[in-house]
Amino acid sequence: MRRRQRELAALRELRDEVWGKDYVPPPVVRAHVRLWRGLNQTEGNKRGFVRFMRFVRFAIVGASGIVVNELALAIFVAGFKLNYVVGSLLATPCSTLWNFALLETWAFRSNSHKNHAWQRWAMLMLINNAANVATIPLLVLCTSVLGINYLISNFFTLVVVIVARFAFADWIWAPPREVEVSPLEA
């Protein structure tokens, strides 16, 4: 155990030396580290398992959301004769609404969240639309430059951002932090 502690201390020193002491990892990295630590705790294995199952449920909801997104994109492009980029931008709110309903009722169900339902919906919509806009260049590259079918390209771009979306979703549906009360106030 002491060897592991020394190794971790050495890694922290190296990180501080390279990135500086004020370095804060991005949310995606922090979520991955929290998930990994949760799975490897000896006394907190139950909490780690619960966290892992939340990720599994999130992945299932995400997979169903990909199906909804692909169907909406196909309808917008084939049915309404819209450009695939415009169709992709319009398909995102459709799948986001679907995902929100399932995340609220199944994946992250709880009576205690730090945010209200309308705040969670607005944040999820903002994050999904930002991710959609950020992946548009990849969609155009795959479809227009490489000649891949727009539905396959769209599927690829949705899969690329799934880990980042979980990190943000985990933050959106996080329970409120416990308020620490000092012994003098108790």
C-alpha atoms as a PDB file:
ATOM      1  CA  MET A   1       0.000   0.000   0.000  1.00  0.00           C
ATOM      2  CA  ARG A   2       2.794   2.423   0.808  1.00  0.00           C
ATOM      3  CA  ARG A   3       4.418   1.746  -2.546  1.00  0.00           C
ATOM      4  CA  ARG A   4       1.204   2.703  -4.309  1.00  0.00           C
ATOM      5  CA  GLN A   5       0.928   5.883  -2.243  1.00  0.00           C
ATOM      6  CA  ARG A   6       4.512   6.808  -3.160  1.00  0.00           C
ATOM      7  CA  GLU A   7       3.777   6.165  -6.842  1.00  0.00           C
ATOM      8  CA  LEU A   8       0.643   8.327  -6.717  1.00  0.00           C
ATOM      9  CA  ALA A   9       2.540  11.101  -4.938  1.00  0.00           C
ATOM     10  CA  ALA A  10       5.253  10.957  -7.606  1.00  0.00           C
ATOM     11  CA  LEU A  11       2.615  11.145 -10.340  1.00  0.00           C
ATOM     12  CA  ARG A  12       0.998  14.150  -8.659  1.00  0.00           C
ATOM     13  CA  GLU A  13       4.386  15.896  -8.413  1.00  0.00           C
ATOM     14  CA  LEU A  14       5.020  15.216 -12.100  1.00  0.00           C
ATOM     15  CA  ARG A  15       1.558  16.520 -13.011  1.00  0.00           C
ATOM     16  CA  ASP A  16       2.137  19.688 -10.966  1.00  0.00           C
ATOM     17  CA  GLU A  17       5.544  20.133 -12.567  1.00  0.00           C
ATOM     18  CA  VAL A  18       4.186  19.793 -16.103  1.00  0.00           C
ATOM     19  CA  TRP A  19       0.770  21.466 -15.803  1.00  0.00           C
ATOM     20  CA  GLY A  20       1.201  23.620 -12.704  1.00  0.00           C
ATOM     21  CA  LYS A  21      -0.490  23.382  -9.320  1.00  0.00           C
ATOM     22  CA  ASP A  22      -3.604  25.244 -10.502  1.00  0.00           C
ATOM     23  CA  TYR A  23      -4.391  22.725 -13.272  1.00  0.00           C
ATOM     24  CA  VAL A  24      -7.974  21.454 -13.240  1.00  0.00           C
ATOM     25  CA  PRO A  25      -8.737  18.543 -15.597  1.00  0.00           C
ATOM     26  CA  PRO A  26     -11.673  18.990 -17.993  1.00  0.00           C
ATOM     27  CA  PRO A  27     -15.062  17.539 -16.934  1.00  0.00           C
ATOM     28  CA  VAL A  28     -14.674  14.474 -19.159  1.00  0.00           C
ATOM     29  CA  VAL A  29     -11.446  13.455 -17.416  1.00  0.00           C
ATOM     30  CA  ARG A  30     -12.849  14.167 -13.954  1.00  0.00           C
ATOM     31  CA  ALA A  31     -15.935  12.055 -14.659  1.00  0.00           C
ATOM     32  CA  HIS A  32     -13.795   9.172 -15.895  1.00  0.00           C
ATOM     33  CA  VAL A  33     -11.567   9.352 -12.815  1.00  0.00           C
ATOM     34  CA  ARG A  34     -14.614   9.496 -10.508  1.00  0.00           C
ATOM     35  CA  LEU A  35     -16.142   6.496 -12.267  1.00  0.00           C
ATOM     36  CA  TRP A  36     -12.870   4.541 -12.076  1.00  0.00           C
ATOM     37  CA  ARG A  37     -12.312   5.392  -8.408  1.00  0.00           C
ATOM     38  CA  GLY A  38     -15.913   4.471  -7.632  1.00  0.00           C
ATOM     39  CA  LEU A  39     -15.406   1.042  -9.181  1.00  0.00           C
ATOM     40  CA  ASN A  40     -12.152   0.377  -7.321  1.00  0.00           C
ATOM     41  CA  GLN A  41     -13.063   1.346  -3.768  1.00  0.00           C
ATOM     42  CA  THR A  42     -12.921  -1.531  -1.301  1.00  0.00           C
ATOM     43  CA  GLU A  43     -15.441  -0.210   1.221  1.00  0.00           C
ATOM     44  CA  GLY A  44     -17.452   1.775  -1.325  1.00  0.00           C
ATOM     45  CA  ASN A  45     -17.927  -0.950  -3.932  1.00  0.00           C
ATOM     46  CA  LYS A  46     -21.680  -0.554  -3.681  1.00  0.00           C
ATOM     47  CA  ARG A  47     -21.431   3.137  -4.549  1.00  0.00           C
ATOM     48  CA  GLY A  48     -19.093   2.315  -7.438  1.00  0.00           C
ATOM     49  CA  PHE A  49     -21.461  -0.327  -8.714  1.00  0.00           C
ATOM     50  CA  VAL A  50     -24.386   2.115  -8.533  1.00  0.00           C
ATOM     51  CA  ARG A  51     -22.343   4.661 -10.481  1.00  0.00           C
ATOM     52  CA  PHE A  52     -21.403   2.059 -13.076  1.00  0.00           C
ATOM     53  CA  MET A  53     -25.049   1.030 -13.464  1.00  0.00           C
ATOM     54  CA  ARG A  54     -25.977   4.696 -13.977  1.00  0.00           C
ATOM     55  CA  PHE A  55     -23.475   4.775 -16.829  1.00  0.00           C
ATOM     56  CA  VAL A  56     -24.959   1.560 -18.279  1.00  0.00           C
ATOM     57  CA  ARG A  57     -28.476   3.028 -18.104  1.00  0.00           C
ATOM     58  CA  PHE A  58     -27.183   6.267 -19.629  1.00  0.00           C
ATOM     59  CA  ALA A  59     -25.606   4.269 -22.481  1.00  0.00           C
ATOM     60  CA  ILE A  60     -28.887   2.420 -23.109  1.00  0.00           C
ATOM     61  CA  VAL A  61     -30.804   5.710 -23.185  1.00  0.00           C
ATOM     62  CA  GLY A  62     -28.124   7.147 -25.468  1.00  0.00           C
ATOM     63  CA  ALA A  63     -28.431   4.190 -27.831  1.00  0.00           C
ATOM     64  CA  SER A  64     -32.192   4.656 -28.052  1.00  0.00           C
ATOM     65  CA  GLY A  65     -31.594   8.385 -28.585  1.00  0.00           C
ATOM     66  CA  ILE A  66     -29.272   7.584 -31.486  1.00  0.00           C
ATOM     67  CA  VAL A  67     -32.079   5.581 -33.090  1.00  0.00           C
ATOM     68  CA  VAL A  68     -34.488   8.511 -32.608  1.00  0.00           C
ATOM     69  CA  ASN A  69     -31.893  10.945 -33.977  1.00  0.00           C
ATOM     70  CA  GLU A  70     -31.226   8.779 -37.036  1.00  0.00           C
ATOM     71  CA  LEU A  71     -34.966   8.391 -37.746  1.00  0.00           C
ATOM     72  CA  ALA A  72     -35.562  12.127 -37.377  1.00  0.00           C
ATOM     73  CA  LEU A  73     -32.591  12.888 -39.646  1.00  0.00           C
ATOM     74  CA  ALA A  74     -33.862  10.461 -42.286  1.00  0.00           C
ATOM     75  CA  ILE A  75     -37.330  12.049 -42.153  1.00  0.00           C
ATOM     76  CA  PHE A  76     -35.938  15.582 -42.432  1.00  0.00           C
ATOM     77  CA  VAL A  77     -33.607  14.726 -45.329  1.00  0.00           C
ATOM     78  CA  ALA A  78     -35.619  12.139 -47.287  1.00  0.00           C
ATOM     79  CA  GLY A  79     -39.120  13.282 -46.372  1.00  0.00           C
ATOM     80  CA  PHE A  80     -38.781  17.061 -46.248  1.00  0.00           C
ATOM     81  CA  LYS A  81     -35.838  17.259 -48.706  1.00  0.00           C
ATOM     82  CA  LEU A  82     -33.659  19.303 -46.326  1.00  0.00           C
ATOM     83  CA  ASN A  83     -29.878  19.419 -46.468  1.00  0.00           C
ATOM     84  CA  TYR A  84     -28.304  16.764 -44.208  1.00  0.00           C
ATOM     85  CA  VAL A  85     -26.567  19.444 -42.077  1.00  0.00           C
ATOM     86  CA  VAL A  86     -29.871  21.244 -41.451  1.00  0.00           C
ATOM     87  CA  GLY A  87     -31.523  17.875 -40.822  1.00  0.00           C
ATOM     88  CA  SER A  88     -28.844  17.017 -38.286  1.00  0.00           C
ATOM     89  CA  LEU A  89     -29.353  20.312 -36.475  1.00  0.00           C
ATOM     90  CA  LEU A  90     -33.127  19.698 -36.372  1.00  0.00           C
ATOM     91  CA  ALA A  91     -32.829  16.034 -35.342  1.00  0.00           C
ATOM     92  CA  THR A  92     -30.889  16.882 -32.182  1.00  0.00           C
ATOM     93  CA  PRO A  93     -33.807  18.518 -30.291  1.00  0.00           C
ATOM     94  CA  CYS A  94     -35.980  15.506 -31.187  1.00  0.00           C
ATOM     95  CA  SER A  95     -33.538  13.017 -29.690  1.00  0.00           C
ATOM     96  CA  THR A  96     -32.724  15.334 -26.766  1.00  0.00           C
ATOM     97  CA  LEU A  97     -36.369  15.446 -25.740  1.00  0.00           C
ATOM     98  CA  TRP A  98     -36.535  11.643 -25.985  1.00  0.00           C
ATOM     99  CA  ASN A  99     -33.322  11.249 -23.972  1.00  0.00           C
ATOM    100  CA  PHE A 100     -34.444  13.730 -21.334  1.00  0.00           C
ATOM    101  CA  ALA A 101     -37.658  11.829 -20.695  1.00  0.00           C
ATOM    102  CA  LEU A 102     -35.791   8.535 -20.260  1.00  0.00           C
ATOM    103  CA  LEU A 103     -32.971  10.046 -18.213  1.00  0.00           C
ATOM    104  CA  GLU A 104     -35.463  11.651 -15.847  1.00  0.00           C
ATOM    105  CA  THR A 105     -37.653   8.582 -15.402  1.00  0.00           C
ATOM    106  CA  TRP A 106     -35.113   5.765 -15.580  1.00  0.00           C
ATOM    107  CA  ALA A 107     -31.375   6.452 -15.780  1.00  0.00           C
ATOM    108  CA  PHE A 108     -31.047   9.216 -13.157  1.00  0.00           C
ATOM    109  CA  ARG A 109     -34.326   8.876 -11.308  1.00  0.00           C
ATOM    110  CA  SER A 110     -34.212  10.392  -7.883  1.00  0.00           C
ATOM    111  CA  ASN A 111     -36.177  12.851  -5.821  1.00  0.00           C
ATOM    112  CA  SER A 112     -33.113  14.876  -4.926  1.00  0.00           C
ATOM    113  CA  HIS A 113     -31.204  16.728  -7.597  1.00  0.00           C
ATOM    114  CA  LYS A 114     -29.280  19.947  -7.232  1.00  0.00           C
ATOM    115  CA  ASN A 115     -31.125  21.382 -10.274  1.00  0.00           C
ATOM    116  CA  HIS A 116     -34.829  21.712 -11.082  1.00  0.00           C
ATOM    117  CA  ALA A 117     -36.295  19.667 -13.949  1.00  0.00           C
ATOM    118  CA  TRP A 118     -36.553  22.675 -16.275  1.00  0.00           C
ATOM    119  CA  GLN A 119     -32.906  23.549 -15.515  1.00  0.00           C
ATOM    120  CA  ARG A 120     -31.815  19.977 -16.271  1.00  0.00           C
ATOM    121  CA  TRP A 121     -33.774  20.061 -19.541  1.00  0.00           C
ATOM    122  CA  ALA A 122     -32.267  23.428 -20.558  1.00  0.00           C
ATOM    123  CA  MET A 123     -28.720  22.307 -19.703  1.00  0.00           C
ATOM    124  CA  LEU A 124     -29.125  19.024 -21.580  1.00  0.00           C
ATOM    125  CA  MET A 125     -30.525  20.857 -24.612  1.00  0.00           C
ATOM    126  CA  LEU A 126     -27.651  23.351 -24.510  1.00  0.00           C
ATOM    127  CA  ILE A 127     -24.985  20.644 -24.176  1.00  0.00           C
ATOM    128  CA  ASN A 128     -26.455  18.426 -26.900  1.00  0.00           C
ATOM    129  CA  ASN A 129     -26.863  21.315 -29.332  1.00  0.00           C
ATOM    130  CA  ALA A 130     -23.326  22.539 -28.602  1.00  0.00           C
ATOM    131  CA  ALA A 131     -21.987  19.013 -29.193  1.00  0.00           C
ATOM    132  CA  ASN A 132     -24.018  18.830 -32.399  1.00  0.00           C
ATOM    133  CA  VAL A 133     -22.631  22.128 -33.705  1.00  0.00           C
ATOM    134  CA  ALA A 134     -19.105  21.064 -32.687  1.00  0.00           C
ATOM    135  CA  THR A 135     -19.382  17.818 -34.645  1.00  0.00           C
ATOM    136  CA  ILE A 136     -20.852  19.379 -37.812  1.00  0.00           C
ATOM    137  CA  PRO A 137     -17.369  19.702 -39.394  1.00  0.00           C
ATOM    138  CA  LEU A 138     -16.815  15.976 -38.809  1.00  0.00           C
ATOM    139  CA  LEU A 139     -20.233  15.219 -40.311  1.00  0.00           C
ATOM    140  CA  VAL A 140     -19.443  17.316 -43.386  1.00  0.00           C
ATOM    141  CA  LEU A 141     -15.981  15.755 -43.687  1.00  0.00           C
ATOM    142  CA  CYS A 142     -17.360  12.223 -43.572  1.00  0.00           C
ATOM    143  CA  THR A 143     -20.328  12.900 -45.860  1.00  0.00           C
ATOM    144  CA  SER A 144     -19.174  15.461 -48.419  1.00  0.00           C
ATOM    145  CA  VAL A 145     -15.429  14.812 -48.542  1.00  0.00           C
ATOM    146  CA  LEU A 146     -15.190  11.073 -47.880  1.00  0.00           C
ATOM    147  CA  GLY A 147     -18.519  10.234 -49.529  1.00  0.00           C
ATOM    148  CA  ILE A 148     -19.971   8.280 -46.594  1.00  0.00           C
ATOM    149  CA  ASN A 149     -23.776   8.127 -46.340  1.00  0.00           C
ATOM    150  CA  TYR A 150     -25.099  10.959 -44.136  1.00  0.00           C
ATOM    151  CA  LEU A 151     -26.828   8.521 -41.741  1.00  0.00           C
ATOM    152  CA  ILE A 152     -23.612   6.579 -41.147  1.00  0.00           C
ATOM    153  CA  SER A 153     -21.664   9.827 -40.724  1.00  0.00           C
ATOM    154  CA  ASN A 154     -24.255  11.107 -38.256  1.00  0.00           C
ATOM    155  CA  PHE A 155     -24.108   7.854 -36.285  1.00  0.00           C
ATOM    156  CA  PHE A 156     -20.312   8.144 -36.119  1.00  0.00           C
ATOM    157  CA  THR A 157     -20.434  11.734 -34.822  1.00  0.00           C
ATOM    158  CA  LEU A 158     -22.987  10.794 -32.157  1.00  0.00           C
ATOM    159  CA  VAL A 159     -20.825   7.928 -30.904  1.00  0.00           C
ATOM    160  CA  VAL A 160     -17.729  10.148 -30.804  1.00  0.00           C
ATOM    161  CA  VAL A 161     -19.211  12.466 -28.158  1.00  0.00           C
ATOM    162  CA  ILE A 162     -20.946   9.923 -25.893  1.00  0.00           C
ATOM    163  CA  VAL A 163     -18.311  10.000 -23.106  1.00  0.00           C
ATOM    164  CA  ALA A 164     -18.378  13.782 -22.956  1.00  0.00           C
ATOM    165  CA  ARG A 165     -22.164  13.736 -22.832  1.00  0.00           C
ATOM    166  CA  PHE A 166     -22.115  11.300 -19.906  1.00  0.00           C
ATOM    167  CA  ALA A 167     -19.723  13.553 -18.011  1.00  0.00           C
ATOM    168  CA  PHE A 168     -22.073  16.490 -18.434  1.00  0.00           C
ATOM    169  CA  ALA A 169     -25.214  14.431 -17.774  1.00  0.00           C
ATOM    170  CA  ASP A 170     -23.680  13.092 -14.577  1.00  0.00           C
ATOM    171  CA  TRP A 171     -23.047  16.697 -13.550  1.00  0.00           C
ATOM    172  CA  ILE A 172     -26.574  17.826 -14.522  1.00  0.00           C
ATOM    173  CA  TRP A 173     -28.323  15.069 -12.538  1.00  0.00           C
ATOM    174  CA  ALA A 174     -25.924  15.175  -9.584  1.00  0.00           C
ATOM    175  CA  PRO A 175     -27.506  15.102  -6.144  1.00  0.00           C
ATOM    176  CA  PRO A 176     -27.116  18.204  -4.000  1.00  0.00           C
ATOM    177  CA  ARG A 177     -23.938  18.348  -1.963  1.00  0.00           C
ATOM    178  CA  GLU A 178     -24.273  17.711   1.724  1.00  0.00           C
ATOM    179  CA  VAL A 179     -24.065  20.911   3.714  1.00  0.00           C
ATOM    180  CA  GLU A 180     -21.340  20.627   6.330  1.00  0.00           C
ATOM    181  CA  VAL A 181     -22.283  21.936   9.733  1.00  0.00           C
ATOM    182  CA  SER A 182     -19.508  22.897  12.102  1.00  0.00           C
ATOM    183  CA  PRO A 183     -19.670  21.527  15.668  1.00  0.00           C
ATOM    184  CA  LEU A 184     -20.294  25.050  16.959  1.00  0.00           C
ATOM    185  CA  GLU A 185     -23.479  25.412  14.884  1.00  0.00           C
ATOM    186  CA  ALA A 186     -24.943  22.009  15.825  1.00  0.00           C
END
